[in-house]
């Protein structure tokens, strides 16, 4: 029995974090699943659940990158502030 076959024995847990609020793009702010992914979770195969989990991780990384970029822009002193004596 190969490693991949052994993984199928274990149930893939829901990525739900109990936050359950939707962002402006329709993804949950806690787990980053779409509405469809959340509602269909219990009917998905293990392979589908793994794929959704990977997509959620990618969405979270994009969110962090966007937030970091926004913070960097907000930290730049504007021209008026730099002219203060």
PDB file of N, CA and C in Angstrom:
ATOM      1  N   UNK A   1       0.836  -1.179   0.000  1.00  0.00           N
ATOM      2  CA  UNK A   1       0.000   0.000   0.000  1.00  0.00           C
ATOM      3  C   UNK A   1       0.882   1.245   0.000  1.00  0.00           C
ATOM      4  N   UNK A   2       0.718   2.125  -0.980  1.00  0.00           N
ATOM      5  CA  UNK A   2       1.546   3.314  -1.091  1.00  0.00           C
ATOM      6  C   UNK A   2       1.105   4.404  -0.131  1.00  0.00           C
ATOM      7  N   UNK A   3       1.925   5.416  -0.029  1.00  0.00           N
ATOM      8  CA  UNK A   3       1.636   6.529   0.877  1.00  0.00           C
ATOM      9  C   UNK A   3       0.330   7.222   0.492  1.00  0.00           C
ATOM     10  N   UNK A   4       0.120   7.460  -0.794  1.00  0.00           N
ATOM     11  CA  UNK A   4      -1.104   8.142  -1.221  1.00  0.00           C
ATOM     12  C   UNK A   4      -2.348   7.355  -0.822  1.00  0.00           C
ATOM     13  N   UNK A   5      -2.277   6.046  -0.883  1.00  0.00           N
ATOM     14  CA  UNK A   5      -3.426   5.224  -0.515  1.00  0.00           C
ATOM     15  C   UNK A   5      -3.681   5.312   0.985  1.00  0.00           C
ATOM     16  N   UNK A   6      -2.635   5.419   1.764  1.00  0.00           N
ATOM     17  CA  UNK A   6      -2.789   5.519   3.216  1.00  0.00           C
ATOM     18  C   UNK A   6      -3.429   6.839   3.624  1.00  0.00           C
ATOM     19  N   UNK A   7      -3.130   7.907   2.911  1.00  0.00           N
ATOM     20  CA  UNK A   7      -3.691   9.221   3.235  1.00  0.00           C
ATOM     21  C   UNK A   7      -5.215   9.184   3.127  1.00  0.00           C
ATOM     22  N   UNK A   8      -5.747   8.412   2.205  1.00  0.00           N
ATOM     23  CA  UNK A   8      -7.188   8.339   2.009  1.00  0.00           C
ATOM     24  C   UNK A   8      -7.929   7.818   3.234  1.00  0.00           C
ATOM     25  N   UNK A   9      -7.225   7.142   4.129  1.00  0.00           N
ATOM     26  CA  UNK A   9      -7.840   6.602   5.336  1.00  0.00           C
ATOM     27  C   UNK A   9      -8.308   7.736   6.243  1.00  0.00           C
ATOM     28  N   UNK A  10      -7.545   8.823   6.286  1.00  0.00           N
ATOM     29  CA  UNK A  10      -7.822   9.917   7.199  1.00  0.00           C
ATOM     30  C   UNK A  10      -8.776  10.932   6.570  1.00  0.00           C
ATOM     31  N   UNK A  11      -9.759  11.328   7.343  1.00  0.00           N
ATOM     32  CA  UNK A  11     -10.710  12.352   6.898  1.00  0.00           C
ATOM     33  C   UNK A  11      -9.991  13.701   6.841  1.00  0.00           C
ATOM     34  N   UNK A  12     -10.236  14.447   5.800  1.00  0.00           N
ATOM     35  CA  UNK A  12      -9.646  15.774   5.671  1.00  0.00           C
ATOM     36  C   UNK A  12     -10.556  16.737   6.430  1.00  0.00           C
ATOM     37  N   UNK A  13     -10.037  17.378   7.475  1.00  0.00           N
ATOM     38  CA  UNK A  13     -10.892  18.250   8.289  1.00  0.00           C
ATOM     39  C   UNK A  13     -11.290  19.524   7.552  1.00  0.00           C
ATOM     40  N   UNK A  14     -12.430  20.031   7.894  1.00  0.00           N
ATOM     41  CA  UNK A  14     -12.886  21.301   7.336  1.00  0.00           C
ATOM     42  C   UNK A  14     -11.921  22.397   7.761  1.00  0.00           C
ATOM     43  N   UNK A  15     -11.587  23.312   6.842  1.00  0.00           N
ATOM     44  CA  UNK A  15     -10.698  24.415   7.206  1.00  0.00           C
ATOM     45  C   UNK A  15     -11.405  25.531   7.979  1.00  0.00           C
ATOM     46  N   UNK A  16     -12.676  25.337   8.309  1.00  0.00           N
ATOM     47  CA  UNK A  16     -13.455  26.362   9.010  1.00  0.00           C
ATOM     48  C   UNK A  16     -12.756  26.803  10.286  1.00  0.00           C
ATOM     49  N   UNK A  17     -12.697  28.124  10.478  1.00  0.00           N
ATOM     50  CA  UNK A  17     -12.079  28.693  11.672  1.00  0.00           C
ATOM     51  C   UNK A  17     -13.117  29.348  12.575  1.00  0.00           C
ATOM     52  N   UNK A  18     -14.402  29.204  12.221  1.00  0.00           N
ATOM     53  CA  UNK A  18     -15.473  29.742  13.038  1.00  0.00           C
ATOM     54  C   UNK A  18     -15.680  31.241  12.888  1.00  0.00           C
ATOM     55  N   UNK A  19     -15.077  31.861  11.889  1.00  0.00           N
ATOM     56  CA  UNK A  19     -15.237  33.306  11.669  1.00  0.00           C
ATOM     57  C   UNK A  19     -16.471  33.558  10.796  1.00  0.00           C
ATOM     58  N   UNK A  20     -16.580  32.828   9.707  1.00  0.00           N
ATOM     59  CA  UNK A  20     -17.781  32.794   8.870  1.00  0.00           C
ATOM     60  C   UNK A  20     -18.322  34.171   8.477  1.00  0.00           C
ATOM     61  N   UNK A  21     -17.433  35.026   8.001  1.00  0.00           N
ATOM     62  CA  UNK A  21     -17.812  36.318   7.421  1.00  0.00           C
ATOM     63  C   UNK A  21     -17.241  36.348   6.014  1.00  0.00           C
ATOM     64  N   UNK A  22     -17.973  36.938   5.095  1.00  0.00           N
ATOM     65  CA  UNK A  22     -17.569  36.925   3.694  1.00  0.00           C
ATOM     66  C   UNK A  22     -16.927  38.259   3.321  1.00  0.00           C
ATOM     67  N   UNK A  23     -15.824  38.180   2.558  1.00  0.00           N
ATOM     68  CA  UNK A  23     -15.170  39.402   2.088  1.00  0.00           C
ATOM     69  C   UNK A  23     -15.867  39.905   0.828  1.00  0.00           C
ATOM     70  N   UNK A  24     -15.359  40.995   0.266  1.00  0.00           N
ATOM     71  CA  UNK A  24     -16.001  41.598  -0.903  1.00  0.00           C
ATOM     72  C   UNK A  24     -15.892  40.753  -2.167  1.00  0.00           C
ATOM     73  N   UNK A  25     -15.072  39.708  -2.142  1.00  0.00           N
ATOM     74  CA  UNK A  25     -14.950  38.820  -3.311  1.00  0.00           C
ATOM     75  C   UNK A  25     -15.751  37.533  -3.128  1.00  0.00           C
ATOM     76  N   UNK A  26     -16.436  37.395  -1.996  1.00  0.00           N
ATOM     77  CA  UNK A  26     -17.282  36.233  -1.767  1.00  0.00           C
ATOM     78  C   UNK A  26     -16.600  35.080  -1.060  1.00  0.00           C
ATOM     79  N   UNK A  27     -15.379  35.301  -0.572  1.00  0.00           N
ATOM     80  CA  UNK A  27     -14.660  34.251   0.145  1.00  0.00           C
ATOM     81  C   UNK A  27     -14.772  34.490   1.650  1.00  0.00           C
ATOM     82  N   UNK A  28     -14.844  33.413   2.401  1.00  0.00           N
ATOM     83  CA  UNK A  28     -14.909  33.498   3.849  1.00  0.00           C
ATOM     84  C   UNK A  28     -13.622  34.124   4.384  1.00  0.00           C
ATOM     85  N   UNK A  29     -13.745  35.069   5.318  1.00  0.00           N
ATOM     86  CA  UNK A  29     -12.572  35.734   5.900  1.00  0.00           C
ATOM     87  C   UNK A  29     -11.792  34.809   6.829  1.00  0.00           C
ATOM     88  N   UNK A  30     -12.401  33.723   7.257  1.00  0.00           N
ATOM     89  CA  UNK A  30     -11.727  32.792   8.160  1.00  0.00           C
ATOM     90  C   UNK A  30     -10.970  31.697   7.431  1.00  0.00           C
ATOM     91  N   UNK A  31     -11.671  31.024   6.499  1.00  0.00           N
ATOM     92  CA  UNK A  31     -11.059  29.853   5.850  1.00  0.00           C
ATOM     93  C   UNK A  31     -10.755  30.065   4.367  1.00  0.00           C
ATOM     94  N   UNK A  32     -11.255  31.160   3.788  1.00  0.00           N
ATOM     95  CA  UNK A  32     -10.999  31.507   2.385  1.00  0.00           C
ATOM     96  C   UNK A  32     -11.668  30.572   1.382  1.00  0.00           C
ATOM     97  N   UNK A  33     -12.737  29.896   1.816  1.00  0.00           N
ATOM     98  CA  UNK A  33     -13.514  29.082   0.868  1.00  0.00           C
ATOM     99  C   UNK A  33     -14.617  29.935   0.267  1.00  0.00           C
ATOM    100  N   UNK A  34     -15.007  29.584  -0.951  1.00  0.00           N
ATOM    101  CA  UNK A  34     -16.158  30.233  -1.575  1.00  0.00           C
ATOM    102  C   UNK A  34     -17.432  29.688  -0.934  1.00  0.00           C
ATOM    103  N   UNK A  35     -18.532  30.331  -1.211  1.00  0.00           N
ATOM    104  CA  UNK A  35     -19.827  29.871  -0.684  1.00  0.00           C
ATOM    105  C   UNK A  35     -20.082  28.424  -1.126  1.00  0.00           C
ATOM    106  N   UNK A  36     -19.849  28.148  -2.401  1.00  0.00           N
ATOM    107  CA  UNK A  36     -20.075  26.809  -2.943  1.00  0.00           C
ATOM    108  C   UNK A  36     -19.181  25.775  -2.257  1.00  0.00           C
ATOM    109  N   UNK A  37     -17.925  26.148  -2.042  1.00  0.00           N
ATOM    110  CA  UNK A  37     -16.989  25.228  -1.384  1.00  0.00           C
ATOM    111  C   UNK A  37     -17.413  24.949   0.051  1.00  0.00           C
ATOM    112  N   UNK A  38     -17.922  25.954   0.736  1.00  0.00           N
ATOM    113  CA  UNK A  38     -18.377  25.750   2.124  1.00  0.00           C
ATOM    114  C   UNK A  38     -19.596  24.839   2.164  1.00  0.00           C
ATOM    115  N   UNK A  39     -20.575  25.127   1.310  1.00  0.00           N
ATOM    116  CA  UNK A  39     -21.829  24.368   1.337  1.00  0.00           C
ATOM    117  C   UNK A  39     -21.663  22.932   0.864  1.00  0.00           C
ATOM    118  N   UNK A  40     -20.729  22.703  -0.069  1.00  0.00           N
ATOM    119  CA  UNK A  40     -20.558  21.362  -0.646  1.00  0.00           C
ATOM    120  C   UNK A  40     -19.511  20.526   0.092  1.00  0.00           C
ATOM    121  N   UNK A  41     -18.852  21.086   1.107  1.00  0.00           N
ATOM    122  CA  UNK A  41     -17.708  20.423   1.734  1.00  0.00           C
ATOM    123  C   UNK A  41     -17.958  18.964   2.086  1.00  0.00           C
ATOM    124  N   UNK A  42     -19.070  18.661   2.727  1.00  0.00           N
ATOM    125  CA  UNK A  42     -19.339  17.288   3.179  1.00  0.00           C
ATOM    126  C   UNK A  42     -19.592  16.316   2.029  1.00  0.00           C
ATOM    127  N   UNK A  43     -19.903  16.834   0.846  1.00  0.00           N
ATOM    128  CA  UNK A  43     -20.146  15.980  -0.316  1.00  0.00           C
ATOM    129  C   UNK A  43     -18.917  15.819  -1.208  1.00  0.00           C
ATOM    130  N   UNK A  44     -17.842  16.541  -0.906  1.00  0.00           N
ATOM    131  CA  UNK A  44     -16.641  16.471  -1.737  1.00  0.00           C
ATOM    132  C   UNK A  44     -15.847  15.205  -1.440  1.00  0.00           C
ATOM    133  N   UNK A  45     -15.146  14.727  -2.449  1.00  0.00           N
ATOM    134  CA  UNK A  45     -14.227  13.600  -2.252  1.00  0.00           C
ATOM    135  C   UNK A  45     -12.982  14.117  -1.538  1.00  0.00           C
ATOM    136  N   UNK A  46     -12.166  13.213  -1.044  1.00  0.00           N
ATOM    137  CA  UNK A  46     -10.917  13.617  -0.384  1.00  0.00           C
ATOM    138  C   UNK A  46     -10.029  14.416  -1.331  1.00  0.00           C
ATOM    139  N   UNK A  47      -9.964  14.005  -2.585  1.00  0.00           N
ATOM    140  CA  UNK A  47      -9.141  14.720  -3.573  1.00  0.00           C
ATOM    141  C   UNK A  47      -9.676  16.139  -3.780  1.00  0.00           C
ATOM    142  N   UNK A  48     -10.993  16.279  -3.850  1.00  0.00           N
ATOM    143  CA  UNK A  48     -11.592  17.601  -4.014  1.00  0.00           C
ATOM    144  C   UNK A  48     -11.337  18.470  -2.784  1.00  0.00           C
ATOM    145  N   UNK A  49     -11.422  17.879  -1.604  1.00  0.00           N
ATOM    146  CA  UNK A  49     -11.165  18.626  -0.374  1.00  0.00           C
ATOM    147  C   UNK A  49      -9.716  19.114  -0.328  1.00  0.00           C
ATOM    148  N   UNK A  50      -8.788  18.262  -0.756  1.00  0.00           N
ATOM    149  CA  UNK A  50      -7.376  18.671  -0.802  1.00  0.00           C
ATOM    150  C   UNK A  50      -7.193  19.838  -1.762  1.00  0.00           C
ATOM    151  N   UNK A  51      -7.867  19.773  -2.910  1.00  0.00           N
ATOM    152  CA  UNK A  51      -7.759  20.850  -3.900  1.00  0.00           C
ATOM    153  C   UNK A  51      -8.309  22.154  -3.325  1.00  0.00           C
ATOM    154  N   UNK A  52      -9.447  22.090  -2.659  1.00  0.00           N
ATOM    155  CA  UNK A  52     -10.041  23.281  -2.045  1.00  0.00           C
ATOM    156  C   UNK A  52      -9.092  23.841  -0.987  1.00  0.00           C
ATOM    157  N   UNK A  53      -8.488  22.967  -0.202  1.00  0.00           N
ATOM    158  CA  UNK A  53      -7.552  23.397   0.841  1.00  0.00           C
ATOM    159  C   UNK A  53      -6.369  24.141   0.224  1.00  0.00           C
ATOM    160  N   UNK A  54      -5.840  23.631  -0.882  1.00  0.00           N
ATOM    161  CA  UNK A  54      -4.735  24.297  -1.583  1.00  0.00           C
ATOM    162  C   UNK A  54      -5.196  25.653  -2.113  1.00  0.00           C
ATOM    163  N   UNK A  55      -6.388  25.714  -2.690  1.00  0.00           N
ATOM    164  CA  UNK A  55      -6.913  26.985  -3.192  1.00  0.00           C
ATOM    165  C   UNK A  55      -7.061  28.002  -2.058  1.00  0.00           C
ATOM    166  N   UNK A  56      -7.518  27.544  -0.901  1.00  0.00           N
ATOM    167  CA  UNK A  56      -7.665  28.427   0.258  1.00  0.00           C
ATOM    168  C   UNK A  56      -6.316  28.980   0.700  1.00  0.00           C
ATOM    169  N   UNK A  57      -5.299  28.137   0.699  1.00  0.00           N
ATOM    170  CA  UNK A  57      -3.952  28.584   1.070  1.00  0.00           C
ATOM    171  C   UNK A  57      -3.442  29.628   0.087  1.00  0.00           C
ATOM    172  N   UNK A  58      -3.713  29.425  -1.203  1.00  0.00           N
ATOM    173  CA  UNK A  58      -3.291  30.386  -2.225  1.00  0.00           C
ATOM    174  C   UNK A  58      -4.017  31.722  -2.040  1.00  0.00           C
ATOM    175  N   UNK A  59      -5.314  31.655  -1.748  1.00  0.00           N
ATOM    176  CA  UNK A  59      -6.096  32.875  -1.529  1.00  0.00           C
ATOM    177  C   UNK A  59      -5.566  33.625  -0.311  1.00  0.00           C
ATOM    178  N   UNK A  60      -5.234  32.892   0.743  1.00  0.00           N
ATOM    179  CA  UNK A  60      -4.709  33.520   1.954  1.00  0.00           C
ATOM    180  C   UNK A  60      -3.373  34.199   1.673  1.00  0.00           C
ATOM    181  N   UNK A  61      -2.505  33.541   0.908  1.00  0.00           N
ATOM    182  CA  UNK A  61      -1.210  34.135   0.566  1.00  0.00           C
ATOM    183  C   UNK A  61      -1.398  35.404  -0.265  1.00  0.00           C
ATOM    184  N   UNK A  62      -2.368  35.393  -1.195  1.00  0.00           N
ATOM    185  CA  UNK A  62      -2.653  36.600  -1.985  1.00  0.00           C
ATOM    186  C   UNK A  62      -3.153  37.721  -1.073  1.00  0.00           C
ATOM    187  N   UNK A  63      -4.012  37.368  -0.121  1.00  0.00           N
ATOM    188  CA  UNK A  63      -4.520  38.356   0.835  1.00  0.00           C
ATOM    189  C   UNK A  63      -3.366  38.973   1.626  1.00  0.00           C
ATOM    190  N   UNK A  64      -2.449  38.134   2.135  1.00  0.00           N
ATOM    191  CA  UNK A  64      -1.314  38.645   2.898  1.00  0.00           C
ATOM    192  C   UNK A  64      -0.432  39.557   2.049  1.00  0.00           C
ATOM    193  N   UNK A  65      -0.205  39.174   0.795  1.00  0.00           N
ATOM    194  CA  UNK A  65       0.625  39.981  -0.100  1.00  0.00           C
ATOM    195  C   UNK A  65      -0.035  41.333  -0.357  1.00  0.00           C
ATOM    196  N   UNK A  66      -1.334  41.341  -0.558  1.00  0.00           N
ATOM    197  CA  UNK A  66      -2.071  42.584  -0.791  1.00  0.00           C
ATOM    198  C   UNK A  66      -2.022  43.471   0.444  1.00  0.00           C
ATOM    199  N   UNK A  67      -2.224  42.859   1.606  1.00  0.00           N
ATOM    200  CA  UNK A  67      -2.197  43.610   2.859  1.00  0.00           C
ATOM    201  C   UNK A  67      -0.810  44.202   3.108  1.00  0.00           C
ATOM    202  N   UNK A  68       0.228  43.417   2.829  1.00  0.00           N
ATOM    203  CA  UNK A  68       1.603  43.894   3.011  1.00  0.00           C
ATOM    204  C   UNK A  68       1.886  45.079   2.083  1.00  0.00           C
ATOM    205  N   UNK A  69       1.408  44.983   0.845  1.00  0.00           N
ATOM    206  CA  UNK A  69       1.606  46.053  -0.124  1.00  0.00           C
ATOM    207  C   UNK A  69       0.879  47.324   0.333  1.00  0.00           C
ATOM    208  N   UNK A  70      -0.353  47.156   0.833  1.00  0.00           N
ATOM    209  CA  UNK A  70      -1.121  48.305   1.320  1.00  0.00           C
ATOM    210  C   UNK A  70      -0.430  48.951   2.517  1.00  0.00           C
ATOM    211  N   UNK A  71       0.074  48.132   3.436  1.00  0.00           N
ATOM    212  CA  UNK A  71       0.771  48.658   4.605  1.00  0.00           C
ATOM    213  C   UNK A  71       2.035  49.409   4.209  1.00  0.00           C
ATOM    214  N   UNK A  72       2.736  48.905   3.217  1.00  0.00           N
ATOM    215  CA  UNK A  72       3.962  49.560   2.752  1.00  0.00           C
ATOM    216  C   UNK A  72       3.634  50.928   2.156  1.00  0.00           C
ATOM    217  N   UNK A  73       2.527  51.016   1.423  1.00  0.00           N
ATOM    218  CA  UNK A  73       2.118  52.292   0.831  1.00  0.00           C
ATOM    219  C   UNK A  73       1.689  53.275   1.919  1.00  0.00           C
ATOM    220  N   UNK A  74       1.038  52.762   2.959  1.00  0.00           N
ATOM    221  CA  UNK A  74       0.568  53.625   4.044  1.00  0.00           C
ATOM    222  C   UNK A  74       1.723  54.113   4.910  1.00  0.00           C
ATOM    223  N   UNK A  75       2.830  53.380   4.936  1.00  0.00           N
ATOM    224  CA  UNK A  75       3.975  53.752   5.767  1.00  0.00           C
ATOM    225  C   UNK A  75       4.857  54.816   5.118  1.00  0.00           C
ATOM    226  N   UNK A  76       4.686  55.034   3.816  1.00  0.00           N
ATOM    227  CA  UNK A  76       5.503  56.033   3.129  1.00  0.00           C
ATOM    228  C   UNK A  76       5.053  57.423   3.572  1.00  0.00           C
ATOM    229  N   UNK A  77       5.982  58.255   3.999  1.00  0.00           N
ATOM    230  CA  UNK A  77       5.569  59.623   4.348  1.00  0.00           C
ATOM    231  C   UNK A  77       5.195  60.366   3.073  1.00  0.00           C
ATOM    232  N   UNK A  78       4.106  61.085   3.134  1.00  0.00           N
ATOM    233  CA  UNK A  78       3.737  61.826   1.920  1.00  0.00           C
ATOM    234  C   UNK A  78       4.605  63.070   1.814  1.00  0.00           C
ATOM    235  N   UNK A  79       4.544  63.732   0.682  1.00  0.00           N
ATOM    236  CA  UNK A  79       5.427  64.853   0.402  1.00  0.00           C
ATOM    237  C   UNK A  79       5.218  65.997   1.390  1.00  0.00           C
ATOM    238  N   UNK A  80       3.971  66.251   1.745  1.00  0.00           N
ATOM    239  CA  UNK A  80       3.670  67.338   2.680  1.00  0.00           C
ATOM    240  C   UNK A  80       4.328  67.092   4.040  1.00  0.00           C
ATOM    241  N   UNK A  81       4.267  65.859   4.534  1.00  0.00           N
ATOM    242  CA  UNK A  81       4.870  65.551   5.824  1.00  0.00           C
ATOM    243  C   UNK A  81       6.381  65.732   5.781  1.00  0.00           C
ATOM    244  N   UNK A  82       6.994  65.398   4.668  1.00  0.00           N
ATOM    245  CA  UNK A  82       8.455  65.505   4.595  1.00  0.00           C
ATOM    246  C   UNK A  82       8.912  66.960   4.505  1.00  0.00           C
ATOM    247  N   UNK A  83       8.017  67.898   4.166  1.00  0.00           N
ATOM    248  CA  UNK A  83       8.363  69.301   4.073  1.00  0.00           C
ATOM    249  C   UNK A  83       8.203  70.032   5.406  1.00  0.00           C
ATOM    250  N   UNK A  84       7.623  69.356   6.400  1.00  0.00           N
ATOM    251  CA  UNK A  84       7.449  69.998   7.705  1.00  0.00           C
ATOM    252  C   UNK A  84       8.800  70.250   8.361  1.00  0.00           C
ATOM    253  N   UNK A  85       8.956  71.429   8.990  1.00  0.00           N
ATOM    254  CA  UNK A  85      10.218  71.779   9.621  1.00  0.00           C
ATOM    255  C   UNK A  85      10.139  71.635  11.118  1.00  0.00           C
TER     256      UNK A  85
END
